[in-house]
Amino acid sequence: MKYLLLAYTPVATWDAENSGIDSEEAMAAFAVYQRFQEELTATGEFVGSEGLGHPAVSTTLRRTPDGVVATDGPFAELKEVLASYAVIDCASQERAVEIAGRIVAILGEPIEIRPIMCADLTG
């Protein structure tokens, strides 16, 4: 079954990490994460992962009585932002929790796990 792992980070951390100045601690954690990602690739459980753009450059679409309306930028004061995602394909929810737990231990940020519905139809 495929699972979507949503990685959240505090806004202040996000802004600091995306300022173009990478801390040695962040770079070391990312190197450990890359090795873990290689491990998951070798087991066939890693599908893909990407970092996301800053919420200030996001667009949200909503249906209103007047039609679909697009709103630019953040629409609420946030303490944490969705910073990245990964898709894994593993045998069980328990294994997804184990994988996500290792990522949290490596990077220190919370991970939300969501099963991908009809994953068997998406390839």
Protein backbone atom coordinates (compact mmCIF):
# COMPACT_ATOMS: atom_id res chain seq x y z
CA MET A 1 0.00 0.00 0.00
CA LYS A 2 1.22 3.50 -0.72
CA TYR A 3 1.44 6.11 2.02
CA LEU A 4 1.96 9.86 1.79
CA LEU A 5 4.30 11.21 4.46
CA LEU A 6 3.72 14.93 5.06
CA ALA A 7 6.61 16.71 6.79
CA TYR A 8 5.88 19.86 8.79
CA THR A 9 8.31 22.46 10.09
CA PRO A 10 7.95 25.58 12.25
CA VAL A 11 7.59 28.76 10.17
CA ALA A 12 10.67 30.32 11.78
CA THR A 13 12.74 27.22 10.94
CA TRP A 14 11.38 27.23 7.38
CA ASP A 15 12.34 30.88 6.89
CA ALA A 16 15.82 30.33 8.35
CA GLU A 17 16.47 27.17 6.29
CA ASN A 18 15.36 28.84 3.08
CA SER A 19 17.43 31.99 3.60
CA GLY A 20 20.25 30.47 1.55
CA ILE A 21 22.41 29.84 4.61
CA ASP A 22 22.43 26.16 5.59
CA SER A 23 23.49 25.28 9.12
CA GLU A 24 25.98 22.48 9.62
CA GLU A 25 23.42 20.68 11.81
CA ALA A 26 20.74 20.84 9.10
CA MET A 27 23.16 19.66 6.42
CA ALA A 28 24.31 16.74 8.61
CA ALA A 29 20.69 15.69 9.27
CA PHE A 30 19.89 15.91 5.56
CA ALA A 31 22.90 13.69 4.74
CA VAL A 32 21.63 11.07 7.21
CA TYR A 33 18.16 11.34 5.67
CA GLN A 34 19.60 10.83 2.17
CA ARG A 35 21.30 7.61 3.33
CA PHE A 36 17.99 6.43 4.83
CA GLN A 37 16.23 7.27 1.55
CA GLU A 38 18.80 5.15 -0.29
CA GLU A 39 18.03 2.29 2.13
CA LEU A 40 14.29 2.57 1.35
CA THR A 41 15.06 2.70 -2.38
CA ALA A 42 17.03 -0.52 -2.06
CA THR A 43 14.08 -2.26 -0.34
CA GLY A 44 11.67 -0.96 -3.01
CA GLU A 45 9.68 1.04 -0.46
CA PHE A 46 10.68 4.54 -1.60
CA VAL A 47 8.52 6.03 -4.36
CA GLY A 48 9.47 9.72 -4.32
CA SER A 49 10.01 12.85 -2.26
CA GLU A 50 10.08 16.58 -2.89
CA GLY A 51 10.46 19.75 -0.87
CA LEU A 52 7.71 22.31 -1.29
CA GLY A 53 7.72 26.04 -2.01
CA HIS A 54 7.14 28.59 0.75
CA PRO A 55 3.47 29.09 1.69
CA ALA A 56 3.78 32.74 0.65
CA VAL A 57 4.00 31.60 -2.99
CA SER A 58 1.13 29.15 -2.74
CA THR A 59 -2.33 29.45 -4.26
CA THR A 60 -5.50 28.08 -2.70
CA LEU A 61 -8.67 27.51 -4.73
CA ARG A 62 -12.09 27.35 -3.13
CA ARG A 63 -15.60 27.00 -4.47
CA THR A 64 -17.82 29.93 -3.49
CA PRO A 65 -21.38 30.89 -4.47
CA ASP A 66 -19.77 33.11 -7.15
CA GLY A 67 -17.64 30.30 -8.59
CA VAL A 68 -14.10 29.13 -7.98
CA VAL A 69 -11.90 31.74 -6.32
CA ALA A 70 -8.09 31.66 -6.14
CA THR A 71 -6.32 33.19 -3.16
CA ASP A 72 -2.59 33.91 -3.35
CA GLY A 73 -0.25 33.39 -0.45
CA PRO A 74 -0.87 32.19 3.06
CA PHE A 75 -4.45 32.47 4.21
CA ALA A 76 -3.92 31.95 7.93
CA GLU A 77 -1.33 32.58 10.58
CA LEU A 78 0.58 29.32 10.81
CA LYS A 79 2.88 27.92 13.45
CA GLU A 80 3.94 25.06 11.20
CA VAL A 81 3.97 24.71 7.43
CA LEU A 82 3.94 21.71 5.13
CA ALA A 83 7.56 21.66 4.01
CA SER A 84 7.90 18.44 2.02
CA TYR A 85 6.34 15.12 1.22
CA ALA A 86 7.44 11.59 0.47
CA VAL A 87 5.54 8.66 -1.00
CA ILE A 88 6.40 5.20 0.22
CA ASP A 89 5.02 1.83 -0.82
CA CYS A 90 5.14 -0.66 2.03
CA ALA A 91 3.27 -3.67 3.35
CA SER A 92 1.38 -2.13 6.26
CA GLN A 93 0.44 0.92 8.30
CA GLU A 94 2.81 -0.37 10.98
CA ARG A 95 5.73 -0.31 8.53
CA ALA A 96 4.75 3.21 7.41
CA VAL A 97 4.81 4.31 11.05
CA GLU A 98 8.24 2.69 11.49
CA ILE A 99 9.61 4.48 8.40
CA ALA A 100 8.10 7.84 9.38
CA GLY A 101 9.43 7.40 12.91
CA ARG A 102 12.96 7.05 11.59
CA ILE A 103 12.55 10.24 9.54
CA VAL A 104 11.29 12.12 12.61
CA ALA A 105 14.28 10.80 14.58
CA ILE A 106 16.64 12.00 11.84
CA LEU A 107 15.12 15.40 11.00
CA GLY A 108 13.30 16.22 14.22
CA GLU A 109 10.12 17.50 12.58
CA PRO A 110 6.64 15.93 12.76
CA ILE A 111 5.39 13.64 9.99
CA GLU A 112 1.75 12.97 9.13
CA ILE A 113 0.98 9.64 7.46
CA ARG A 114 -1.93 9.30 5.07
CA PRO A 115 -2.81 6.21 3.08
CA ILE A 116 -3.12 6.94 -0.63
CA MET A 117 -6.56 5.80 -1.67
CA CYS A 118 -6.76 3.41 -4.61
CA ALA A 119 -2.98 3.23 -4.67
CA ASP A 120 -3.21 -0.05 -6.54
CA LEU A 121 -4.85 1.84 -9.44
CA THR A 122 -2.22 4.63 -9.53
CA GLY A 123 0.66 2.35 -10.30
